[in-house]
Amino acid sequence: MKNDEKDVIESIAEHAKMELSSIGKMLDKAEVPPQVDALVEGPVISIQKSSVYIDLAPFGTGIIYGREFINAKDIIKKVNIGDVVKAKVVSTDNEEGYVELSLKEAKQALIWSEAEKAIKSKITLELTIKEANKGGLILDWQGIAGFLPASQLKSEHYPRVEDSDKDKILKALKLLIGKRINVVMISALPKEGKLIFSEKDNNPEERQEIVGKYTVGDELECTVAGIVDFGVFLKLEEGLEGLVHISEIDWGLVEDPRSMFKVGDSIEAKIIEIKDGKISLSIKALKENPWKEFENTLKKGDIVSGVVIKFNKHGALVSIKQGVAGLVHNSGFGSEEKLKKALELGKTYNFQVTLFEPKDQRMTLIHLDSEKKAE
């Protein structure tokens, strides 16, 4: 092949390569036609008695009609020719060649999009309490009913009632209807149409500043702010409460905190944990640990006298001193039924120690006559 011919061929190939590259770039820049469920926008070009037309250049014209027109009547009343509106694609090409659109669905999609942004940004929303049920409160946001569980209420709004009676809880929650409260959105479920709110920590920076004044080990004079089945809420200062779990109330067995405290009582407590802006307290930490008395005097194999103070699914709880109790397991009797026949609540028996770990407040016992009872 002559050099001249070779040069011509190479020139043609290079030109073709450049053309293909140019076409590729044009294709990359070309806009993709809208698909079903996509959000589109464009100016209104015509409003008819039962339809609205929207310019979707370069993809033709969109139309809102039929059921979608009826569903969006309230929105359409406020729309004028020339207004740019957002709509959701229902069908990409109907019999007349129009792109079918929905204004109502577009509005809902935008609202749920706003909800996701509100969750990520953790913005504070001031909303009105519309209704109440036994589980919490109903709020309205952008026309969507949202739920605020009672567990997500701040301490001043939490319904602390005797015996955790559901009817009393509902009565307390109903007193909040009509009030405006600051909340944050913590969950959005578009398919189920659900929003979940929380009143707790809607200003985390302010709360962190308050909590930051306290450290683990602090001993404080507190006021009982509320009593629930699982413990006692103590007020440390205005706007800040901590929880004393039932296991931290006393070294002895506590079954009902309400029998020991009432709201307004002044109590000394010690901070034992600060985590995620929450303060955990202990009352028993300020009392002498009764287990220490037995650290060097009691060991496995020793015989002790104890009172049966409680039955649970594992066996019987036996107290050898106020605040020091061990478990007598069902297996020592063959069954729970046999254990309860052999041991009575409030009665004193002799037991043998099978495990004693005073640092962890753990002790297991066996009734000296259990083998005989199991036969």
Foldseek 3Di string as FASTA:
>chain_A
DDPVVVVVVVVVVVVVVVVVVVVVVVVVPDDDQDDAFDKAKAFWADDDPFKTWGDRPPLGIEMEGDPLSVVCVVVVVPDDGGDMAMWGFHASQDPVGHGYTHRVVRVLVVVLVVLVVLQVVLAKDWWAFAAAALQATWTDDPNAIEGEGLVQEALVLRQFDPPSDSVSRRVSRRVRHGPIAIWGWNDDDSVVSYTYIGRPCSPVVVLCVVLVVDDAFDKAWWFFSHFDQQFTWTDRDVRDIATEGLVQEALADDRGVVVVDDGGDIAIWGFHDADPSHTYIHRHVPPDQPLVVCPPPDDAFDKAKWFFADADQQGTWTDRDGSQIAGEGQVLQPGRVLRPVVHDHGDMAMWGWHDDDSVVSYTYTYGPCRVVSND
